[in-house]
Amino acid sequence: MENKLREETLERVHETLNQVRPYLQADGGDIEVIELTDDFLLKVRLTGACKGCPFSMQTLKAGVEQAIKRDIPEIKEVVSEDY
């Protein structure tokens, strides 16, 4: 993936995560971006109370991934580095 495209996409990812982040932080958690692969797979890490929470996969897929895909349709999937 071209560097400029990667940077622009990551900027959009961070904008969307900043909209989702308050909900995670309200429960004592947070999220950080690990990598955006060339095939538009977004790798993230849930931190704080979200790490190891039994509902973390549901939060990731139903909350974070849906918001990311809504705002940035070229992202194919959001995965946690923990899974």
PDB file of N, CA and C in Angstrom:
ATOM      1  N   MET A   1       0.854  -1.173   0.000  1.00  0.00           N
ATOM      2  CA  MET A   1       0.000   0.000   0.000  1.00  0.00           C
ATOM      3  C   MET A   1       0.903   1.241   0.000  1.00  0.00           C
ATOM      4  N   GLU A   2       0.549   2.193  -0.798  1.00  0.00           N
ATOM      5  CA  GLU A   2       1.299   3.440  -0.890  1.00  0.00           C
ATOM      6  C   GLU A   2       1.299   4.163   0.457  1.00  0.00           C
ATOM      7  N   ASN A   3       2.446   4.762   0.824  1.00  0.00           N
ATOM      8  CA  ASN A   3       2.573   5.423   2.125  1.00  0.00           C
ATOM      9  C   ASN A   3       1.539   6.519   2.344  1.00  0.00           C
ATOM     10  N   LYS A   4       1.301   7.342   1.323  1.00  0.00           N
ATOM     11  CA  LYS A   4       0.335   8.435   1.466  1.00  0.00           C
ATOM     12  C   LYS A   4      -1.061   7.883   1.735  1.00  0.00           C
ATOM     13  N   LEU A   5      -1.451   6.845   1.008  1.00  0.00           N
ATOM     14  CA  LEU A   5      -2.754   6.216   1.219  1.00  0.00           C
ATOM     15  C   LEU A   5      -2.835   5.613   2.614  1.00  0.00           C
ATOM     16  N   ARG A   6      -1.763   4.960   3.046  1.00  0.00           N
ATOM     17  CA  ARG A   6      -1.729   4.368   4.394  1.00  0.00           C
ATOM     18  C   ARG A   6      -1.895   5.450   5.457  1.00  0.00           C
ATOM     19  N   GLU A   7      -1.160   6.551   5.307  1.00  0.00           N
ATOM     20  CA  GLU A   7      -1.244   7.645   6.281  1.00  0.00           C
ATOM     21  C   GLU A   7      -2.640   8.252   6.324  1.00  0.00           C
ATOM     22  N   GLU A   8      -3.241   8.465   5.150  1.00  0.00           N
ATOM     23  CA  GLU A   8      -4.588   9.032   5.098  1.00  0.00           C
ATOM     24  C   GLU A   8      -5.612   8.086   5.727  1.00  0.00           C
ATOM     25  N   THR A   9      -5.474   6.806   5.441  1.00  0.00           N
ATOM     26  CA  THR A   9      -6.395   5.817   5.998  1.00  0.00           C
ATOM     27  C   THR A   9      -6.233   5.732   7.508  1.00  0.00           C
ATOM     28  N   LEU A  10      -5.004   5.722   7.975  1.00  0.00           N
ATOM     29  CA  LEU A  10      -4.765   5.672   9.426  1.00  0.00           C
ATOM     30  C   LEU A  10      -5.296   6.923  10.124  1.00  0.00           C
ATOM     31  N   GLU A  11      -5.196   8.050   9.474  1.00  0.00           N
ATOM     32  CA  GLU A  11      -5.745   9.282  10.050  1.00  0.00           C
ATOM     33  C   GLU A  11      -7.259   9.153  10.214  1.00  0.00           C
ATOM     34  N   ARG A  12      -7.909   8.614   9.199  1.00  0.00           N
ATOM     35  CA  ARG A  12      -9.359   8.393   9.271  1.00  0.00           C
ATOM     36  C   ARG A  12      -9.700   7.366  10.354  1.00  0.00           C
ATOM     37  N   VAL A  13      -8.876   6.328  10.490  1.00  0.00           N
ATOM     38  CA  VAL A  13      -9.079   5.324  11.536  1.00  0.00           C
ATOM     39  C   VAL A  13      -9.021   5.989  12.908  1.00  0.00           C
ATOM     40  N   HIS A  14      -8.023   6.822  13.129  1.00  0.00           N
ATOM     41  CA  HIS A  14      -7.878   7.490  14.426  1.00  0.00           C
ATOM     42  C   HIS A  14      -9.055   8.427  14.705  1.00  0.00           C
ATOM     43  N   GLU A  15      -9.560   9.090  13.681  1.00  0.00           N
ATOM     44  CA  GLU A  15     -10.730   9.956  13.858  1.00  0.00           C
ATOM     45  C   GLU A  15     -11.932   9.139  14.314  1.00  0.00           C
ATOM     46  N   THR A  16     -12.147   8.001  13.680  1.00  0.00           N
ATOM     47  CA  THR A  16     -13.270   7.145  14.068  1.00  0.00           C
ATOM     48  C   THR A  16     -13.059   6.566  15.459  1.00  0.00           C
ATOM     49  N   LEU A  17     -11.849   6.119  15.749  1.00  0.00           N
ATOM     50  CA  LEU A  17     -11.579   5.571  17.089  1.00  0.00           C
ATOM     51  C   LEU A  17     -11.787   6.626  18.169  1.00  0.00           C
ATOM     52  N   ASN A  18     -11.500   7.869  17.861  1.00  0.00           N
ATOM     53  CA  ASN A  18     -11.721   8.934  18.842  1.00  0.00           C
ATOM     54  C   ASN A  18     -13.200   9.131  19.140  1.00  0.00           C
ATOM     55  N   GLN A  19     -14.076   8.720  18.229  1.00  0.00           N
ATOM     56  CA  GLN A  19     -15.515   8.767  18.485  1.00  0.00           C
ATOM     57  C   GLN A  19     -15.963   7.584  19.338  1.00  0.00           C
ATOM     58  N   VAL A  20     -15.297   6.442  19.184  1.00  0.00           N
ATOM     59  CA  VAL A  20     -15.643   5.221  19.910  1.00  0.00           C
ATOM     60  C   VAL A  20     -14.972   5.181  21.286  1.00  0.00           C
ATOM     61  N   ARG A  21     -13.807   5.750  21.359  1.00  0.00           N
ATOM     62  CA  ARG A  21     -12.960   5.674  22.561  1.00  0.00           C
ATOM     63  C   ARG A  21     -13.676   6.051  23.874  1.00  0.00           C
ATOM     64  N   PRO A  22     -14.496   7.111  23.906  1.00  0.00           N
ATOM     65  CA  PRO A  22     -15.150   7.454  25.179  1.00  0.00           C
ATOM     66  C   PRO A  22     -16.003   6.330  25.756  1.00  0.00           C
ATOM     67  N   TYR A  23     -16.598   5.516  24.895  1.00  0.00           N
ATOM     68  CA  TYR A  23     -17.401   4.392  25.377  1.00  0.00           C
ATOM     69  C   TYR A  23     -16.511   3.324  26.016  1.00  0.00           C
ATOM     70  N   LEU A  24     -15.361   3.093  25.421  1.00  0.00           N
ATOM     71  CA  LEU A  24     -14.413   2.136  25.996  1.00  0.00           C
ATOM     72  C   LEU A  24     -13.847   2.668  27.309  1.00  0.00           C
ATOM     73  N   GLN A  25     -13.504   3.939  27.322  1.00  0.00           N
ATOM     74  CA  GLN A  25     -12.911   4.550  28.515  1.00  0.00           C
ATOM     75  C   GLN A  25     -13.902   4.625  29.668  1.00  0.00           C
ATOM     76  N   ALA A  26     -15.183   4.739  29.354  1.00  0.00           N
ATOM     77  CA  ALA A  26     -16.205   4.775  30.408  1.00  0.00           C
ATOM     78  C   ALA A  26     -16.211   3.479  31.219  1.00  0.00           C
ATOM     79  N   ASP A  27     -15.775   2.394  30.590  1.00  0.00           N
ATOM     80  CA  ASP A  27     -15.693   1.105  31.275  1.00  0.00           C
ATOM     81  C   ASP A  27     -14.268   0.772  31.711  1.00  0.00           C
ATOM     82  N   GLY A  28     -13.373   1.749  31.647  1.00  0.00           N
ATOM     83  CA  GLY A  28     -12.001   1.542  32.108  1.00  0.00           C
ATOM     84  C   GLY A  28     -11.070   0.950  31.066  1.00  0.00           C
ATOM     85  N   GLY A  29     -11.468   0.978  29.805  1.00  0.00           N
ATOM     86  CA  GLY A  29     -10.635   0.401  28.752  1.00  0.00           C
ATOM     87  C   GLY A  29     -10.191   1.431  27.739  1.00  0.00           C
ATOM     88  N   ASP A  30      -9.547   0.965  26.710  1.00  0.00           N
ATOM     89  CA  ASP A  30      -9.100   1.821  25.616  1.00  0.00           C
ATOM     90  C   ASP A  30      -8.685   0.928  24.452  1.00  0.00           C
ATOM     91  N   ILE A  31      -8.250   1.546  23.371  1.00  0.00           N
ATOM     92  CA  ILE A  31      -7.849   0.809  22.179  1.00  0.00           C
ATOM     93  C   ILE A  31      -6.676   1.522  21.533  1.00  0.00           C
ATOM     94  N   GLU A  32      -5.763   0.750  20.974  1.00  0.00           N
ATOM     95  CA  GLU A  32      -4.645   1.340  20.229  1.00  0.00           C
ATOM     96  C   GLU A  32      -4.453   0.577  18.923  1.00  0.00           C
ATOM     97  N   VAL A  33      -4.033   1.315  17.912  1.00  0.00           N
ATOM     98  CA  VAL A  33      -3.787   0.729  16.600  1.00  0.00           C
ATOM     99  C   VAL A  33      -2.398   0.109  16.593  1.00  0.00           C
ATOM    100  N   ILE A  34      -2.307  -1.115  16.102  1.00  0.00           N
ATOM    101  CA  ILE A  34      -1.033  -1.813  15.982  1.00  0.00           C
ATOM    102  C   ILE A  34      -0.515  -1.713  14.556  1.00  0.00           C
ATOM    103  N   GLU A  35      -1.384  -2.018  13.583  1.00  0.00           N
ATOM    104  CA  GLU A  35      -0.919  -2.060  12.194  1.00  0.00           C
ATOM    105  C   GLU A  35      -2.100  -2.000  11.237  1.00  0.00           C
ATOM    106  N   LEU A  36      -1.880  -1.378  10.106  1.00  0.00           N
ATOM    107  CA  LEU A  36      -2.780  -1.447   8.972  1.00  0.00           C
ATOM    108  C   LEU A  36      -2.027  -2.180   7.881  1.00  0.00           C
ATOM    109  N   THR A  37      -2.477  -3.379   7.530  1.00  0.00           N
ATOM    110  CA  THR A  37      -1.760  -4.189   6.555  1.00  0.00           C
ATOM    111  C   THR A  37      -2.039  -3.707   5.134  1.00  0.00           C
ATOM    112  N   ASP A  38      -1.254  -4.204   4.198  1.00  0.00           N
ATOM    113  CA  ASP A  38      -1.419  -3.835   2.794  1.00  0.00           C
ATOM    114  C   ASP A  38      -2.768  -4.268   2.230  1.00  0.00           C
ATOM    115  N   ASP A  39      -3.364  -5.284   2.809  1.00  0.00           N
ATOM    116  CA  ASP A  39      -4.677  -5.733   2.343  1.00  0.00           C
ATOM    117  C   ASP A  39      -5.815  -5.178   3.210  1.00  0.00           C
ATOM    118  N   PHE A  40      -5.550  -4.057   3.892  1.00  0.00           N
ATOM    119  CA  PHE A  40      -6.552  -3.305   4.664  1.00  0.00           C
ATOM    120  C   PHE A  40      -7.154  -4.090   5.814  1.00  0.00           C
ATOM    121  N   LEU A  41      -6.326  -4.844   6.498  1.00  0.00           N
ATOM    122  CA  LEU A  41      -6.688  -5.486   7.750  1.00  0.00           C
ATOM    123  C   LEU A  41      -6.150  -4.583   8.856  1.00  0.00           C
ATOM    124  N   LEU A  42      -7.015  -4.165   9.764  1.00  0.00           N
ATOM    125  CA  LEU A  42      -6.606  -3.283  10.852  1.00  0.00           C
ATOM    126  C   LEU A  42      -6.396  -4.110  12.114  1.00  0.00           C
ATOM    127  N   LYS A  43      -5.172  -4.095  12.621  1.00  0.00           N
ATOM    128  CA  LYS A  43      -4.843  -4.814  13.852  1.00  0.00           C
ATOM    129  C   LYS A  43      -4.814  -3.813  14.996  1.00  0.00           C
ATOM    130  N   VAL A  44      -5.532  -4.154  16.072  1.00  0.00           N
ATOM    131  CA  VAL A  44      -5.638  -3.269  17.229  1.00  0.00           C
ATOM    132  C   VAL A  44      -5.351  -4.044  18.502  1.00  0.00           C
ATOM    133  N   ARG A  45      -5.185  -3.313  19.579  1.00  0.00           N
ATOM    134  CA  ARG A  45      -5.007  -3.917  20.900  1.00  0.00           C
ATOM    135  C   ARG A  45      -5.984  -3.233  21.847  1.00  0.00           C
ATOM    136  N   LEU A  46      -6.817  -4.033  22.499  1.00  0.00           N
ATOM    137  CA  LEU A  46      -7.669  -3.508  23.551  1.00  0.00           C
ATOM    138  C   LEU A  46      -6.851  -3.460  24.830  1.00  0.00           C
ATOM    139  N   THR A  47      -6.982  -2.378  25.577  1.00  0.00           N
ATOM    140  CA  THR A  47      -6.177  -2.206  26.786  1.00  0.00           C
ATOM    141  C   THR A  47      -7.074  -1.917  27.987  1.00  0.00           C
ATOM    142  N   GLY A  48      -6.448  -1.843  29.148  1.00  0.00           N
ATOM    143  CA  GLY A  48      -7.175  -1.551  30.378  1.00  0.00           C
ATOM    144  C   GLY A  48      -8.169  -2.659  30.691  1.00  0.00           C
ATOM    145  N   ALA A  49      -9.354  -2.245  31.140  1.00  0.00           N
ATOM    146  CA  ALA A  49     -10.379  -3.216  31.525  1.00  0.00           C
ATOM    147  C   ALA A  49     -10.877  -4.035  30.335  1.00  0.00           C
ATOM    148  N   CYS A  50     -10.706  -3.508  29.124  1.00  0.00           N
ATOM    149  CA  CYS A  50     -11.158  -4.238  27.926  1.00  0.00           C
ATOM    150  C   CYS A  50     -10.284  -5.463  27.651  1.00  0.00           C
ATOM    151  N   LYS A  51      -9.032  -5.390  28.037  1.00  0.00           N
ATOM    152  CA  LYS A  51      -8.130  -6.515  27.798  1.00  0.00           C
ATOM    153  C   LYS A  51      -8.537  -7.670  28.707  1.00  0.00           C
ATOM    154  N   GLY A  52      -8.867  -8.777  28.086  1.00  0.00           N
ATOM    155  CA  GLY A  52      -9.244  -9.953  28.857  1.00  0.00           C
ATOM    156  C   GLY A  52     -10.701  -9.983  29.289  1.00  0.00           C
ATOM    157  N   CYS A  53     -11.454  -8.942  28.991  1.00  0.00           N
ATOM    158  CA  CYS A  53     -12.877  -8.921  29.340  1.00  0.00           C
ATOM    159  C   CYS A  53     -13.602  -9.977  28.507  1.00  0.00           C
ATOM    160  N   PRO A  54     -14.539 -10.707  29.113  1.00  0.00           N
ATOM    161  CA  PRO A  54     -15.243 -11.737  28.355  1.00  0.00           C
ATOM    162  C   PRO A  54     -16.045 -11.174  27.171  1.00  0.00           C
ATOM    163  N   PHE A  55     -16.348  -9.897  27.200  1.00  0.00           N
ATOM    164  CA  PHE A  55     -17.121  -9.280  26.121  1.00  0.00           C
ATOM    165  C   PHE A  55     -16.245  -8.514  25.132  1.00  0.00           C
ATOM    166  N   SER A  56     -14.932  -8.638  25.254  1.00  0.00           N
ATOM    167  CA  SER A  56     -14.039  -7.838  24.416  1.00  0.00           C
ATOM    168  C   SER A  56     -14.197  -8.144  22.928  1.00  0.00           C
ATOM    169  N   MET A  57     -14.408  -9.398  22.559  1.00  0.00           N
ATOM    170  CA  MET A  57     -14.575  -9.725  21.149  1.00  0.00           C
ATOM    171  C   MET A  57     -15.876  -9.139  20.619  1.00  0.00           C
ATOM    172  N   GLN A  58     -16.921  -9.168  21.418  1.00  0.00           N
ATOM    173  CA  GLN A  58     -18.192  -8.566  21.014  1.00  0.00           C
ATOM    174  C   GLN A  58     -18.030  -7.053  20.857  1.00  0.00           C
ATOM    175  N   THR A  59     -17.331  -6.424  21.789  1.00  0.00           N
ATOM    176  CA  THR A  59     -17.064  -4.986  21.703  1.00  0.00           C
ATOM    177  C   THR A  59     -16.280  -4.671  20.441  1.00  0.00           C
ATOM    178  N   LEU A  60     -15.293  -5.490  20.155  1.00  0.00           N
ATOM    179  CA  LEU A  60     -14.450  -5.264  18.986  1.00  0.00           C
ATOM    180  C   LEU A  60     -15.253  -5.387  17.695  1.00  0.00           C
ATOM    181  N   LYS A  61     -16.031  -6.440  17.560  1.00  0.00           N
ATOM    182  CA  LYS A  61     -16.757  -6.701  16.314  1.00  0.00           C
ATOM    183  C   LYS A  61     -18.016  -5.845  16.183  1.00  0.00           C
ATOM    184  N   ALA A  62     -18.831  -5.790  17.235  1.00  0.00           N
ATOM    185  CA  ALA A  62     -20.115  -5.092  17.146  1.00  0.00           C
ATOM    186  C   ALA A  62     -19.975  -3.583  17.315  1.00  0.00           C
ATOM    187  N   GLY A  63     -18.936  -3.154  18.004  1.00  0.00           N
ATOM    188  CA  GLY A  63     -18.757  -1.723  18.232  1.00  0.00           C
ATOM    189  C   GLY A  63     -17.695  -1.116  17.350  1.00  0.00           C
ATOM    190  N   VAL A  64     -16.468  -1.487  17.593  1.00  0.00           N
ATOM    191  CA  VAL A  64     -15.330  -0.872  16.917  1.00  0.00           C
ATOM    192  C   VAL A  64     -15.340  -1.180  15.417  1.00  0.00           C
ATOM    193  N   GLU A  65     -15.448  -2.452  15.053  1.00  0.00           N
ATOM    194  CA  GLU A  65     -15.373  -2.813  13.637  1.00  0.00           C
ATOM    195  C   GLU A  65     -16.518  -2.191  12.833  1.00  0.00           C
ATOM    196  N   GLN A  66     -17.711  -2.184  13.384  1.00  0.00           N
ATOM    197  CA  GLN A  66     -18.844  -1.587  12.667  1.00  0.00           C
ATOM    198  C   GLN A  66     -18.617  -0.101  12.422  1.00  0.00           C
ATOM    199  N   ALA A  67     -18.118   0.613  13.430  1.00  0.00           N
ATOM    200  CA  ALA A  67     -17.860   2.048  13.272  1.00  0.00           C
ATOM    201  C   ALA A  67     -16.772   2.291  12.230  1.00  0.00           C
ATOM    202  N   ILE A  68     -15.712   1.493  12.286  1.00  0.00           N
ATOM    203  CA  ILE A  68     -14.610   1.639  11.328  1.00  0.00           C
ATOM    204  C   ILE A  68     -15.098   1.364   9.907  1.00  0.00           C
ATOM    205  N   LYS A  69     -15.808   0.267   9.711  1.00  0.00           N
ATOM    206  CA  LYS A  69     -16.276  -0.094   8.371  1.00  0.00           C
ATOM    207  C   LYS A  69     -17.303   0.909   7.842  1.00  0.00           C
ATOM    208  N   ARG A  70     -18.104   1.484   8.725  1.00  0.00           N
ATOM    209  CA  ARG A  70     -19.072   2.492   8.314  1.00  0.00           C
ATOM    210  C   ARG A  70     -18.353   3.725   7.767  1.00  0.00           C
ATOM    211  N   ASP A  71     -17.322   4.154   8.480  1.00  0.00           N
ATOM    212  CA  ASP A  71     -16.603   5.372   8.105  1.00  0.00           C
ATOM    213  C   ASP A  71     -15.517   5.137   7.065  1.00  0.00           C
ATOM    214  N   ILE A  72     -14.942   3.937   7.049  1.00  0.00           N
ATOM    215  CA  ILE A  72     -13.819   3.627   6.153  1.00  0.00           C
ATOM    216  C   ILE A  72     -14.095   2.262   5.518  1.00  0.00           C
ATOM    217  N   PRO A  73     -14.945   2.221   4.504  1.00  0.00           N
ATOM    218  CA  PRO A  73     -15.366   0.942   3.939  1.00  0.00           C
ATOM    219  C   PRO A  73     -14.243   0.100   3.343  1.00  0.00           C
ATOM    220  N   GLU A  74     -13.116   0.715   3.021  1.00  0.00           N
ATOM    221  CA  GLU A  74     -12.006  -0.063   2.463  1.00  0.00           C
ATOM    222  C   GLU A  74     -11.331  -0.968   3.496  1.00  0.00           C
ATOM    223  N   ILE A  75     -11.574  -0.710   4.783  1.00  0.00           N
ATOM    224  CA  ILE A  75     -11.055  -1.605   5.825  1.00  0.00           C
ATOM    225  C   ILE A  75     -11.865  -2.902   5.761  1.00  0.00           C
ATOM    226  N   LYS A  76     -11.182  -4.010   5.568  1.00  0.00           N
ATOM    227  CA  LYS A  76     -11.863  -5.297   5.390  1.00  0.00           C
ATOM    228  C   LYS A  76     -12.256  -5.941   6.721  1.00  0.00           C
ATOM    229  N   GLU A  77     -11.382  -5.797   7.718  1.00  0.00           N
ATOM    230  CA  GLU A  77     -11.652  -6.418   9.012  1.00  0.00           C
ATOM    231  C   GLU A  77     -10.817  -5.734  10.078  1.00  0.00           C
ATOM    232  N   VAL A  78     -11.364  -5.730  11.304  1.00  0.00           N
ATOM    233  CA  VAL A  78     -10.621  -5.245  12.466  1.00  0.00           C
ATOM    234  C   VAL A  78     -10.408  -6.449  13.366  1.00  0.00           C
ATOM    235  N   VAL A  79      -9.145  -6.710  13.686  1.00  0.00           N
ATOM    236  CA  VAL A  79      -8.819  -7.855  14.526  1.00  0.00           C
ATOM    237  C   VAL A  79      -7.958  -7.404  15.707  1.00  0.00           C
ATOM    238  N   SER A  80      -8.103  -8.125  16.788  1.00  0.00           N
ATOM    239  CA  SER A  80      -7.297  -7.867  17.976  1.00  0.00           C
ATOM    240  C   SER A  80      -6.019  -8.689  17.891  1.00  0.00           C
ATOM    241  N   GLU A  81      -4.921  -8.101  18.244  1.00  0.00           N
ATOM    242  CA  GLU A  81      -3.675  -8.852  18.232  1.00  0.00           C
ATOM    243  C   GLU A  81      -3.690  -9.954  19.287  1.00  0.00           C
ATOM    244  N   ASP A  82      -4.635  -9.904  20.212  1.00  0.00           N
ATOM    245  CA  ASP A  82      -4.734 -10.907  21.269  1.00  0.00           C
ATOM    246  C   ASP A  82      -5.429 -12.180  20.805  1.00  0.00           C
ATOM    247  N   TYR A  83      -6.049 -12.146  19.606  1.00  0.00           N
ATOM    248  CA  TYR A  83      -6.809 -13.312  19.129  1.00  0.00           C
ATOM    249  C   TYR A  83      -6.234 -13.820  17.839  1.00  0.00           C
TER     250      TYR A  83
END
